[in-house]
Amino acid sequence: MAGTIPSATADDRAGQALSWRGPGPGRPDLPIPPARQPLLHKGLMRKRWRYVGFYGEEIMLCAGVVRIGISNHTFWSVWDRVEGKVWEHTRLRPGGPEVVLDGPVVEIRTGNVRAALRFGESEPIEVVSPSGRGWGWTRKRAGVPVTGRVVLDGETHQVEGFGVDDESAGYHQRNVEWSWSAGIGQSVDGRALGWNLTEGINDSVTSSERAIWIDGVPHEPAPVEFEGLDAVRSEGGEGNPGTGLRFQFGEAERRRHDNFWLVRSDYVHRFGTFTGTLDGIELADGAGVMEEHKVVW
C-alpha cells in the first residue's frame, strides 16, 4: 500500500544492533581487539590496520601497519616542510620491520630515515559499524601529544607537538570506497582542536567515527561531504553550525595502485594545512591529511 513503511529486514535489524559508539556500556559481543579474530567471517577476510600521524610545523609524517587476511605490509612517509623534501616507502615483502607500532612507541627504521616517537595519552572514541554482511571496528584519537626525534639523511630533528592514532579492524564488505581527513589545530579563541572526518566508512548519521576534539574532549558532528581532496563540508541548521574545511595541499603525497588478484587498491594520501570551520569553530591554524581510498578486499 502506498505510504506504508516497509518492515525492517533481518539485515536491517542486525545492522542497527551493531551500530555502537563508545567507550561505554553496550559494546557488542564480537571479537573486537584486543580479542583474537578468526581469519574469515561469513566469507569475508579479516582486516586490521593502524595508522599514526604527526603534524608539526617543520615535520609531518605518517606510518602504518596493514594486515589483510594472511598478508601484511607497512608504509611510512615523511615531509620536511622547511626543505620541501619528501621521503616515503611501502614494504610488501617479508623481512625486518621498517615500521614498529608498539603501543605508544612509534619507530621508522631505514637507512636514511629513522624516527623514534612516543604518543601520549588522550581521550579516544570507539565505534562498531555494520559493513554489508560484516562489520568494522575502529578506535580513534586526535590531538594526541607526541614527542621524539626524526633523522633525515643524517640530520636530527627533535619534534614535539600533536598527532592522530587510528586503529581499525573487522570484516568489512568486499568493495569499500571512502574519503577521510584527520588533523590538529587551534581555534581563533585558543582552544586545542583535533578531528577525524569520514564519508563512505563508519559514517552513519549517529554512532559514526566522525569526531571533533575540543580541548581534548571528543563529540560527534553531523555527517559531512567531501569535495574530492579539496574540502570537507556539512550543512548548517538548527543546533548545527556546520563544517567548512578547506585544504591546502603541501605537495607531499603518497599514491599507490596495487592489484594482488584478491586484493586491489587505489589510494591517495596528502599532507597539508587547513583553514575554515569545524562545527562553527573557526580555525586559526590546522594541519593534517586528506585521503581517498578505493579497495576490493
C-alpha atoms as a PDB file:
ATOM      1  CA  MET A   1       0.000   0.000   0.000  1.00  0.00           C
ATOM      2  CA  ALA A   2       1.290   3.469  -0.881  1.00  0.00           C
ATOM      3  CA  GLY A   3       2.559   5.389   2.115  1.00  0.00           C
ATOM      4  CA  THR A   4       3.226   2.358   4.288  1.00  0.00           C
ATOM      5  CA  ILE A   5       6.602   1.994   5.967  1.00  0.00           C
ATOM      6  CA  PRO A   6       8.321  -1.231   4.952  1.00  0.00           C
ATOM      7  CA  SER A   7       9.172  -3.646   7.735  1.00  0.00           C
ATOM      8  CA  ALA A   8      12.794  -3.835   8.743  1.00  0.00           C
ATOM      9  CA  THR A   9      14.608  -6.807   7.301  1.00  0.00           C
ATOM     10  CA  ALA A  10      16.782  -9.140   9.342  1.00  0.00           C
ATOM     11  CA  ASP A  11      19.859  -7.419   7.869  1.00  0.00           C
ATOM     12  CA  ASP A  12      18.462  -4.003   8.856  1.00  0.00           C
ATOM     13  CA  ARG A  13      17.911  -5.152  12.422  1.00  0.00           C
ATOM     14  CA  ALA A  14      21.349  -6.742  12.588  1.00  0.00           C
ATOM     15  CA  GLY A  15      22.957  -3.526  11.337  1.00  0.00           C
ATOM     16  CA  GLN A  16      21.107  -1.430  13.888  1.00  0.00           C
ATOM     17  CA  ALA A  17      22.220  -3.782  16.650  1.00  0.00           C
ATOM     18  CA  LEU A  18      25.848  -3.444  15.513  1.00  0.00           C
ATOM     19  CA  SER A  19      25.886   0.370  15.469  1.00  0.00           C
ATOM     20  CA  TRP A  20      27.628   1.417  18.672  1.00  0.00           C
ATOM     21  CA  ARG A  21      29.824   4.289  19.799  1.00  0.00           C
ATOM     22  CA  GLY A  22      31.849   4.409  22.970  1.00  0.00           C
ATOM     23  CA  PRO A  23      33.781   3.927  25.136  1.00  0.00           C
ATOM     24  CA  GLY A  24      30.934   2.966  27.402  1.00  0.00           C
ATOM     25  CA  PRO A  25      28.300   0.336  28.014  1.00  0.00           C
ATOM     26  CA  GLY A  26      26.732  -1.756  25.283  1.00  0.00           C
ATOM     27  CA  ARG A  27      29.938  -2.786  23.478  1.00  0.00           C
ATOM     28  CA  PRO A  28      28.851  -5.505  21.013  1.00  0.00           C
ATOM     29  CA  ASP A  29      29.755  -9.090  21.857  1.00  0.00           C
ATOM     30  CA  LEU A  30      32.129  -9.511  18.904  1.00  0.00           C
ATOM     31  CA  PRO A  31      35.807 -10.465  18.521  1.00  0.00           C
ATOM     32  CA  ILE A  32      36.922  -6.837  18.808  1.00  0.00           C
ATOM     33  CA  PRO A  33      40.597  -6.051  19.500  1.00  0.00           C
ATOM     34  CA  PRO A  34      42.372  -6.970  21.657  1.00  0.00           C
ATOM     35  CA  ALA A  35      40.362 -10.214  21.305  1.00  0.00           C
ATOM     36  CA  ARG A  36      41.626 -12.742  18.766  1.00  0.00           C
ATOM     37  CA  GLN A  37      39.827 -12.591  15.414  1.00  0.00           C
ATOM     38  CA  PRO A  38      39.220 -15.574  13.086  1.00  0.00           C
ATOM     39  CA  LEU A  39      40.664 -15.320   9.579  1.00  0.00           C
ATOM     40  CA  LEU A  40      37.209 -15.424   7.953  1.00  0.00           C
ATOM     41  CA  HIS A  41      33.693 -14.326   8.905  1.00  0.00           C
ATOM     42  CA  LYS A  42      30.775 -15.018   6.534  1.00  0.00           C
ATOM     43  CA  GLY A  43      33.249 -15.365   3.679  1.00  0.00           C
ATOM     44  CA  LEU A  44      34.918 -12.006   4.417  1.00  0.00           C
ATOM     45  CA  MET A  45      38.623 -11.761   5.178  1.00  0.00           C
ATOM     46  CA  ARG A  46      39.850 -10.272   8.421  1.00  0.00           C
ATOM     47  CA  LYS A  47      41.322  -6.780   8.064  1.00  0.00           C
ATOM     48  CA  ARG A  48      43.322  -4.922  10.656  1.00  0.00           C
ATOM     49  CA  TRP A  49      45.397  -1.754  10.403  1.00  0.00           C
ATOM     50  CA  ARG A  50      46.904   1.028  12.454  1.00  0.00           C
ATOM     51  CA  TYR A  51      47.884   4.457  11.170  1.00  0.00           C
ATOM     52  CA  VAL A  52      49.654   7.141  13.164  1.00  0.00           C
ATOM     53  CA  GLY A  53      50.359  10.697  12.060  1.00  0.00           C
ATOM     54  CA  PHE A  54      52.395  13.584  13.434  1.00  0.00           C
ATOM     55  CA  TYR A  55      51.622  17.010  12.001  1.00  0.00           C
ATOM     56  CA  GLY A  56      54.248  19.543  13.084  1.00  0.00           C
ATOM     57  CA  GLU A  57      55.309  22.976  11.872  1.00  0.00           C
ATOM     58  CA  GLU A  58      58.572  21.653  10.395  1.00  0.00           C
ATOM     59  CA  ILE A  59      57.984  17.904  10.018  1.00  0.00           C
ATOM     60  CA  MET A  60      54.886  15.903   9.118  1.00  0.00           C
ATOM     61  CA  LEU A  61      54.925  12.131   8.984  1.00  0.00           C
ATOM     62  CA  CYS A  62      52.754   9.052   8.970  1.00  0.00           C
ATOM     63  CA  ALA A  63      53.409   5.347   9.490  1.00  0.00           C
ATOM     64  CA  GLY A  64      51.196   2.300   9.279  1.00  0.00           C
ATOM     65  CA  VAL A  65      50.902  -1.455   9.569  1.00  0.00           C
ATOM     66  CA  VAL A  66      48.211  -3.232   7.497  1.00  0.00           C
ATOM     67  CA  ARG A  67      47.071  -6.853   7.717  1.00  0.00           C
ATOM     68  CA  ILE A  68      44.554  -8.255   5.210  1.00  0.00           C
ATOM     69  CA  GLY A  69      43.926 -11.947   5.604  1.00  0.00           C
ATOM     70  CA  ILE A  70      47.351 -13.553   5.946  1.00  0.00           C
ATOM     71  CA  SER A  71      49.234 -10.760   4.136  1.00  0.00           C
ATOM     72  CA  ASN A  72      50.971  -7.864   5.876  1.00  0.00           C
ATOM     73  CA  HIS A  73      52.571  -4.660   4.715  1.00  0.00           C
ATOM     74  CA  THR A  74      53.963  -1.482   6.236  1.00  0.00           C
ATOM     75  CA  PHE A  75      54.307   2.078   4.992  1.00  0.00           C
ATOM     76  CA  TRP A  76      55.710   5.410   6.062  1.00  0.00           C
ATOM     77  CA  SER A  77      56.086   8.926   4.689  1.00  0.00           C
ATOM     78  CA  VAL A  78      57.937  11.999   5.991  1.00  0.00           C
ATOM     79  CA  TRP A  79      57.628  15.560   4.745  1.00  0.00           C
ATOM     80  CA  ASP A  80      60.264  18.135   5.673  1.00  0.00           C
ATOM     81  CA  ARG A  81      58.194  21.287   5.344  1.00  0.00           C
ATOM     82  CA  VAL A  82      61.218  23.591   5.633  1.00  0.00           C
ATOM     83  CA  GLU A  83      63.276  21.950   2.886  1.00  0.00           C
ATOM     84  CA  GLY A  84      60.303  20.836   0.817  1.00  0.00           C
ATOM     85  CA  LYS A  85      61.536  17.222   0.680  1.00  0.00           C
ATOM     86  CA  VAL A  86      59.509  14.020   0.909  1.00  0.00           C
ATOM     87  CA  TRP A  87      60.680  10.513   1.791  1.00  0.00           C
ATOM     88  CA  GLU A  88      58.325   7.536   1.662  1.00  0.00           C
ATOM     89  CA  HIS A  89      58.278   3.773   1.262  1.00  0.00           C
ATOM     90  CA  THR A  90      55.858   0.842   1.280  1.00  0.00           C
ATOM     91  CA  ARG A  91      57.203  -2.585   2.206  1.00  0.00           C
ATOM     92  CA  LEU A  92      55.235  -5.528   0.802  1.00  0.00           C
ATOM     93  CA  ARG A  93      57.826  -8.275   1.277  1.00  0.00           C
ATOM     94  CA  PRO A  94      58.649 -10.188   4.474  1.00  0.00           C
ATOM     95  CA  GLY A  95      61.764  -9.164   6.321  1.00  0.00           C
ATOM     96  CA  GLY A  96      62.911  -6.879   9.078  1.00  0.00           C
ATOM     97  CA  PRO A  97      60.312  -4.281  10.075  1.00  0.00           C
ATOM     98  CA  GLU A  98      60.678  -0.769   8.705  1.00  0.00           C
ATOM     99  CA  VAL A  99      57.771   0.354  10.891  1.00  0.00           C
ATOM    100  CA  VAL A 100      57.233  -0.549  14.540  1.00  0.00           C
ATOM    101  CA  LEU A 101      53.954   0.419  16.222  1.00  0.00           C
ATOM    102  CA  ASP A 102      54.091  -0.936  19.764  1.00  0.00           C
ATOM    103  CA  GLY A 103      51.561   0.805  21.978  1.00  0.00           C
ATOM    104  CA  PRO A 104      52.813   4.382  22.467  1.00  0.00           C
ATOM    105  CA  VAL A 105      56.129   3.669  20.716  1.00  0.00           C
ATOM    106  CA  VAL A 106      56.416   4.501  17.014  1.00  0.00           C
ATOM    107  CA  GLU A 107      59.590   3.795  15.070  1.00  0.00           C
ATOM    108  CA  ILE A 108      60.683   4.080  11.433  1.00  0.00           C
ATOM    109  CA  ARG A 109      63.865   2.120  10.707  1.00  0.00           C
ATOM    110  CA  THR A 110      65.536   2.638   7.332  1.00  0.00           C
ATOM    111  CA  GLY A 111      68.968   3.651   6.106  1.00  0.00           C
ATOM    112  CA  ASN A 112      68.413   7.369   5.535  1.00  0.00           C
ATOM    113  CA  VAL A 113      65.187   7.936   7.508  1.00  0.00           C
ATOM    114  CA  ARG A 114      64.786   6.998  11.142  1.00  0.00           C
ATOM    115  CA  ALA A 115      62.198   8.095  13.679  1.00  0.00           C
ATOM    116  CA  ALA A 116      61.587   7.329  17.334  1.00  0.00           C
ATOM    117  CA  LEU A 117      58.377   8.862  18.653  1.00  0.00           C
ATOM    118  CA  ARG A 118      56.220   8.435  21.717  1.00  0.00           C
ATOM    119  CA  PHE A 119      52.466   9.030  21.567  1.00  0.00           C
ATOM    120  CA  GLY A 120      50.927  10.212  24.834  1.00  0.00           C
ATOM    121  CA  GLU A 121      47.529   9.819  26.454  1.00  0.00           C
ATOM    122  CA  SER A 122      44.298  11.313  25.082  1.00  0.00           C
ATOM    123  CA  GLU A 123      40.593  10.533  25.098  1.00  0.00           C
ATOM    124  CA  PRO A 124      39.529   8.095  22.334  1.00  0.00           C
ATOM    125  CA  ILE A 125      36.310   7.341  20.544  1.00  0.00           C
ATOM    126  CA  GLU A 126      35.464   3.746  19.673  1.00  0.00           C
ATOM    127  CA  VAL A 127      32.919   2.616  17.081  1.00  0.00           C
ATOM    128  CA  VAL A 128      31.421  -0.593  15.706  1.00  0.00           C
ATOM    129  CA  SER A 129      29.515  -0.269  12.415  1.00  0.00           C
ATOM    130  CA  PRO A 130      27.817  -2.708  10.028  1.00  0.00           C
ATOM    131  CA  SER A 131      29.569  -3.274   6.695  1.00  0.00           C
ATOM    132  CA  GLY A 132      27.464  -5.336   4.309  1.00  0.00           C
ATOM    133  CA  ARG A 133      27.151  -8.767   5.889  1.00  0.00           C
ATOM    134  CA  GLY A 134      30.190  -7.994   8.035  1.00  0.00           C
ATOM    135  CA  TRP A 135      31.214  -5.289  10.465  1.00  0.00           C
ATOM    136  CA  GLY A 136      34.057  -2.911  11.236  1.00  0.00           C
ATOM    137  CA  TRP A 137      35.588  -1.620  14.453  1.00  0.00           C
ATOM    138  CA  THR A 138      37.718   1.472  14.925  1.00  0.00           C
ATOM    139  CA  ARG A 139      39.336   3.423  17.754  1.00  0.00           C
ATOM    140  CA  LYS A 140      40.445   6.985  17.000  1.00  0.00           C
ATOM    141  CA  ARG A 141      42.376   9.687  18.833  1.00  0.00           C
ATOM    142  CA  ALA A 142      43.235  13.162  17.551  1.00  0.00           C
ATOM    143  CA  GLY A 143      45.193  15.878  19.285  1.00  0.00           C
ATOM    144  CA  VAL A 144      47.476  13.235  20.799  1.00  0.00           C
ATOM    145  CA  PRO A 145      50.681  14.686  22.339  1.00  0.00           C
ATOM    146  CA  VAL A 146      53.785  13.434  20.516  1.00  0.00           C
ATOM    147  CA  THR A 147      57.484  13.770  21.328  1.00  0.00           C
ATOM    148  CA  GLY A 148      60.629  12.266  19.839  1.00  0.00           C
ATOM    149  CA  ARG A 149      63.202  12.646  17.110  1.00  0.00           C
ATOM    150  CA  VAL A 150      63.381  12.197  13.357  1.00  0.00           C
ATOM    151  CA  VAL A 151      66.650  11.692  11.446  1.00  0.00           C
ATOM    152  CA  LEU A 152      66.610  12.630   7.746  1.00  0.00           C
ATOM    153  CA  ASP A 153      69.756  11.970   5.723  1.00  0.00           C
ATOM    154  CA  GLY A 154      71.844  12.240   8.887  1.00  0.00           C
ATOM    155  CA  GLU A 155      70.224  15.446  10.194  1.00  0.00           C
ATOM    156  CA  THR A 156      68.394  15.069  13.534  1.00  0.00           C
ATOM    157  CA  HIS A 157      65.144  16.918  14.231  1.00  0.00           C
ATOM    158  CA  GLN A 158      63.698  16.986  17.737  1.00  0.00           C
ATOM    159  CA  VAL A 159      59.914  17.018  17.434  1.00  0.00           C
ATOM    160  CA  GLU A 160      57.141  17.914  19.841  1.00  0.00           C
ATOM    161  CA  GLY A 161      53.527  18.544  19.002  1.00  0.00           C
ATOM    162  CA  PHE A 162      50.312  16.675  18.267  1.00  0.00           C
ATOM    163  CA  GLY A 163      49.055  13.942  16.013  1.00  0.00           C
ATOM    164  CA  VAL A 164      46.474  11.210  15.457  1.00  0.00           C
ATOM    165  CA  ASP A 165      46.256   7.487  16.192  1.00  0.00           C
ATOM    166  CA  ASP A 166      43.847   5.332  14.163  1.00  0.00           C
ATOM    167  CA  GLU A 167      43.286   1.629  14.897  1.00  0.00           C
ATOM    168  CA  SER A 168      40.788  -0.348  12.791  1.00  0.00           C
ATOM    169  CA  ALA A 169      39.792  -3.984  12.362  1.00  0.00           C
ATOM    170  CA  GLY A 170      36.931  -6.209  11.308  1.00  0.00           C
ATOM    171  CA  TYR A 171      35.287  -7.967   8.381  1.00  0.00           C
ATOM    172  CA  HIS A 172      34.443  -5.123   6.035  1.00  0.00           C
ATOM    173  CA  GLN A 173      32.419  -5.712   2.898  1.00  0.00           C
ATOM    174  CA  ARG A 174      34.320  -6.665  -0.237  1.00  0.00           C
ATOM    175  CA  ASN A 175      34.114  -3.268  -2.002  1.00  0.00           C
ATOM    176  CA  VAL A 176      34.685  -0.122   0.037  1.00  0.00           C
ATOM    177  CA  GLU A 177      35.347   3.442  -1.061  1.00  0.00           C
ATOM    178  CA  TRP A 178      35.973   6.227   1.414  1.00  0.00           C
ATOM    179  CA  SER A 179      37.243   9.755   1.906  1.00  0.00           C
ATOM    180  CA  TRP A 180      38.935  10.674   5.166  1.00  0.00           C
ATOM    181  CA  SER A 181      40.501  13.664   6.858  1.00  0.00           C
ATOM    182  CA  ALA A 182      42.340  13.873  10.160  1.00  0.00           C
ATOM    183  CA  GLY A 183      44.195  16.751  11.708  1.00  0.00           C
ATOM    184  CA  ILE A 184      45.059  19.007  14.590  1.00  0.00           C
ATOM    185  CA  GLY A 185      44.973  22.742  15.132  1.00  0.00           C
ATOM    186  CA  GLN A 186      43.888  25.661  17.245  1.00  0.00           C
ATOM    187  CA  SER A 187      40.807  27.854  17.191  1.00  0.00           C
ATOM    188  CA  VAL A 188      40.956  31.640  16.938  1.00  0.00           C
ATOM    189  CA  ASP A 189      39.985  31.804  20.627  1.00  0.00           C
ATOM    190  CA  GLY A 190      42.841  29.498  21.645  1.00  0.00           C
ATOM    191  CA  ARG A 191      41.149  26.121  22.038  1.00  0.00           C
ATOM    192  CA  ALA A 192      43.039  22.979  21.012  1.00  0.00           C
ATOM    193  CA  LEU A 193      41.320  21.118  18.177  1.00  0.00           C
ATOM    194  CA  GLY A 194      41.575  17.703  16.573  1.00  0.00           C
ATOM    195  CA  TRP A 195      39.341  15.965  14.066  1.00  0.00           C
ATOM    196  CA  ASN A 196      38.515  12.714  12.323  1.00  0.00           C
ATOM    197  CA  LEU A 197      36.011  13.095   9.480  1.00  0.00           C
ATOM    198  CA  THR A 198      34.922  10.442   7.010  1.00  0.00           C
ATOM    199  CA  GLU A 199      32.499   9.622   4.212  1.00  0.00           C
ATOM    200  CA  GLY A 200      31.984   6.080   2.964  1.00  0.00           C
ATOM    201  CA  ILE A 201      33.043   4.058   6.022  1.00  0.00           C
ATOM    202  CA  ASN A 202      31.681   4.071   9.580  1.00  0.00           C
ATOM    203  CA  ASP A 203      29.658   7.130   8.561  1.00  0.00           C
ATOM    204  CA  SER A 204      26.098   6.557   9.822  1.00  0.00           C
ATOM    205  CA  VAL A 205      24.078   9.587  10.919  1.00  0.00           C
ATOM    206  CA  THR A 206      24.788   8.746  14.567  1.00  0.00           C
ATOM    207  CA  SER A 207      27.233   6.343  16.235  1.00  0.00           C
ATOM    208  CA  SER A 208      29.758   7.158  13.494  1.00  0.00           C
ATOM    209  CA  GLU A 209      33.517   7.563  13.675  1.00  0.00           C
ATOM    210  CA  ARG A 210      33.238  11.294  12.951  1.00  0.00           C
ATOM    211  CA  ALA A 211      34.709  13.223  15.858  1.00  0.00           C
ATOM    212  CA  ILE A 212      35.927  16.690  16.743  1.00  0.00           C
ATOM    213  CA  TRP A 213      38.078  17.076  19.854  1.00  0.00           C
ATOM    214  CA  ILE A 214      37.810  20.440  21.628  1.00  0.00           C
ATOM    215  CA  ASP A 215      40.428  20.854  24.354  1.00  0.00           C
ATOM    216  CA  GLY A 216      40.780  17.079  24.331  1.00  0.00           C
ATOM    217  CA  VAL A 217      37.080  16.209  24.636  1.00  0.00           C
ATOM    218  CA  PRO A 218      35.502  14.460  21.602  1.00  0.00           C
ATOM    219  CA  HIS A 219      31.997  14.987  20.283  1.00  0.00           C
ATOM    220  CA  GLU A 220      30.218  13.729  17.177  1.00  0.00           C
ATOM    221  CA  PRO A 221      29.446  16.251  14.404  1.00  0.00           C
ATOM    222  CA  ALA A 222      26.824  15.913  11.673  1.00  0.00           C
ATOM    223  CA  PRO A 223      27.536  13.889   8.513  1.00  0.00           C
ATOM    224  CA  VAL A 224      29.980  15.518   6.078  1.00  0.00           C
ATOM    225  CA  GLU A 225      30.564  15.554   2.342  1.00  0.00           C
ATOM    226  CA  PHE A 226      33.998  15.623   0.716  1.00  0.00           C
ATOM    227  CA  GLU A 227      34.747  17.750  -2.319  1.00  0.00           C
ATOM    228  CA  GLY A 228      37.461  15.487  -3.647  1.00  0.00           C
ATOM    229  CA  LEU A 229      40.704  16.226  -1.835  1.00  0.00           C
ATOM    230  CA  ASP A 230      39.959  19.948  -1.628  1.00  0.00           C
ATOM    231  CA  ALA A 231      37.385  20.452   1.121  1.00  0.00           C
ATOM    232  CA  VAL A 232      35.063  18.889   3.704  1.00  0.00           C
ATOM    233  CA  ARG A 233      31.647  20.376   4.329  1.00  0.00           C
ATOM    234  CA  SER A 234      28.410  19.845   6.195  1.00  0.00           C
ATOM    235  CA  GLU A 235      25.242  21.910   6.016  1.00  0.00           C
ATOM    236  CA  GLY A 236      24.338  24.065   8.973  1.00  0.00           C
ATOM    237  CA  GLY A 237      20.931  24.017  10.574  1.00  0.00           C
ATOM    238  CA  GLU A 238      19.142  24.216  13.880  1.00  0.00           C
ATOM    239  CA  GLY A 239      21.660  23.280  16.542  1.00  0.00           C
ATOM    240  CA  ASN A 240      24.292  22.514  13.874  1.00  0.00           C
ATOM    241  CA  PRO A 241      26.537  25.378  12.752  1.00  0.00           C
ATOM    242  CA  GLY A 242      28.095  23.181  10.049  1.00  0.00           C
ATOM    243  CA  THR A 243      31.652  22.479   8.956  1.00  0.00           C
ATOM    244  CA  GLY A 244      33.622  24.071   6.148  1.00  0.00           C
ATOM    245  CA  LEU A 245      37.240  22.915   5.983  1.00  0.00           C
ATOM    246  CA  ARG A 246      39.430  23.946   3.055  1.00  0.00           C
ATOM    247  CA  PHE A 247      42.627  22.035   2.352  1.00  0.00           C
ATOM    248  CA  GLN A 248      45.902  23.480   1.076  1.00  0.00           C
ATOM    249  CA  PHE A 249      47.935  20.643  -0.461  1.00  0.00           C
ATOM    250  CA  GLY A 250      51.558  20.742   0.659  1.00  0.00           C
ATOM    251  CA  GLU A 251      52.929  18.910  -2.436  1.00  0.00           C
ATOM    252  CA  ALA A 252      53.599  15.876  -0.215  1.00  0.00           C
ATOM    253  CA  GLU A 253      51.691  12.798  -1.301  1.00  0.00           C
ATOM    254  CA  ARG A 254      51.517   9.004  -1.010  1.00  0.00           C
ATOM    255  CA  ARG A 255      49.842   7.455  -4.046  1.00  0.00           C
ATOM    256  CA  ARG A 256      49.578   3.742  -4.839  1.00  0.00           C
ATOM    257  CA  HIS A 257      47.767   1.431  -7.221  1.00  0.00           C
ATOM    258  CA  ASP A 258      48.049  -2.244  -6.261  1.00  0.00           C
ATOM    259  CA  ASN A 259      46.473  -5.317  -7.835  1.00  0.00           C
ATOM    260  CA  PHE A 260      47.076  -8.598  -5.997  1.00  0.00           C
ATOM    261  CA  TRP A 261      44.191 -10.548  -7.566  1.00  0.00           C
ATOM    262  CA  LEU A 262      42.047 -10.959  -4.425  1.00  0.00           C
ATOM    263  CA  VAL A 263      43.005  -7.505  -3.154  1.00  0.00           C
ATOM    264  CA  ARG A 264      43.006  -4.350  -5.290  1.00  0.00           C
ATOM    265  CA  SER A 265      43.587  -0.837  -4.025  1.00  0.00           C
ATOM    266  CA  ASP A 266      43.739   2.748  -5.320  1.00  0.00           C
ATOM    267  CA  TYR A 267      44.994   5.120  -2.646  1.00  0.00           C
ATOM    268  CA  VAL A 268      45.894   8.811  -2.371  1.00  0.00           C
ATOM    269  CA  HIS A 269      47.071  10.436   0.891  1.00  0.00           C
ATOM    270  CA  ARG A 270      48.157  14.085   1.085  1.00  0.00           C
ATOM    271  CA  PHE A 271      49.750  16.212   3.796  1.00  0.00           C
ATOM    272  CA  GLY A 272      48.786  19.861   4.054  1.00  0.00           C
ATOM    273  CA  THR A 273      47.183  22.638   6.039  1.00  0.00           C
ATOM    274  CA  PHE A 274      43.590  23.669   6.677  1.00  0.00           C
ATOM    275  CA  THR A 275      41.501  26.807   7.037  1.00  0.00           C
ATOM    276  CA  GLY A 276      37.808  27.244   7.747  1.00  0.00           C
ATOM    277  CA  THR A 277      35.498  25.991  10.469  1.00  0.00           C
ATOM    278  CA  LEU A 278      34.769  22.832  12.459  1.00  0.00           C
ATOM    279  CA  ASP A 279      31.185  22.798  13.712  1.00  0.00           C
ATOM    280  CA  GLY A 280      31.204  26.580  13.603  1.00  0.00           C
ATOM    281  CA  ILE A 281      34.581  26.909  15.370  1.00  0.00           C
ATOM    282  CA  GLU A 282      36.965  28.999  13.273  1.00  0.00           C
ATOM    283  CA  LEU A 283      40.464  27.622  12.817  1.00  0.00           C
ATOM    284  CA  ALA A 284      43.437  29.883  13.487  1.00  0.00           C
ATOM    285  CA  ASP A 285      45.656  27.134  12.088  1.00  0.00           C
ATOM    286  CA  GLY A 286      45.272  23.494  11.161  1.00  0.00           C
ATOM    287  CA  ALA A 287      47.465  20.714   9.774  1.00  0.00           C
ATOM    288  CA  GLY A 288      46.826  17.139   8.766  1.00  0.00           C
ATOM    289  CA  VAL A 289      45.831  14.921   5.885  1.00  0.00           C
ATOM    290  CA  MET A 290      43.234  14.224   3.227  1.00  0.00           C
ATOM    291  CA  GLU A 291      42.790  10.718   1.833  1.00  0.00           C
ATOM    292  CA  GLU A 292      40.825   8.819  -0.803  1.00  0.00           C
ATOM    293  CA  HIS A 293      40.804   5.032  -0.910  1.00  0.00           C
ATOM    294  CA  LYS A 294      39.019   2.574  -3.197  1.00  0.00           C
ATOM    295  CA  VAL A 295      39.621  -1.030  -2.219  1.00  0.00           C
ATOM    296  CA  VAL A 296      38.430  -4.529  -3.088  1.00  0.00           C
ATOM    297  CA  TRP A 297      39.404  -6.884  -0.272  1.00  0.00           C
END
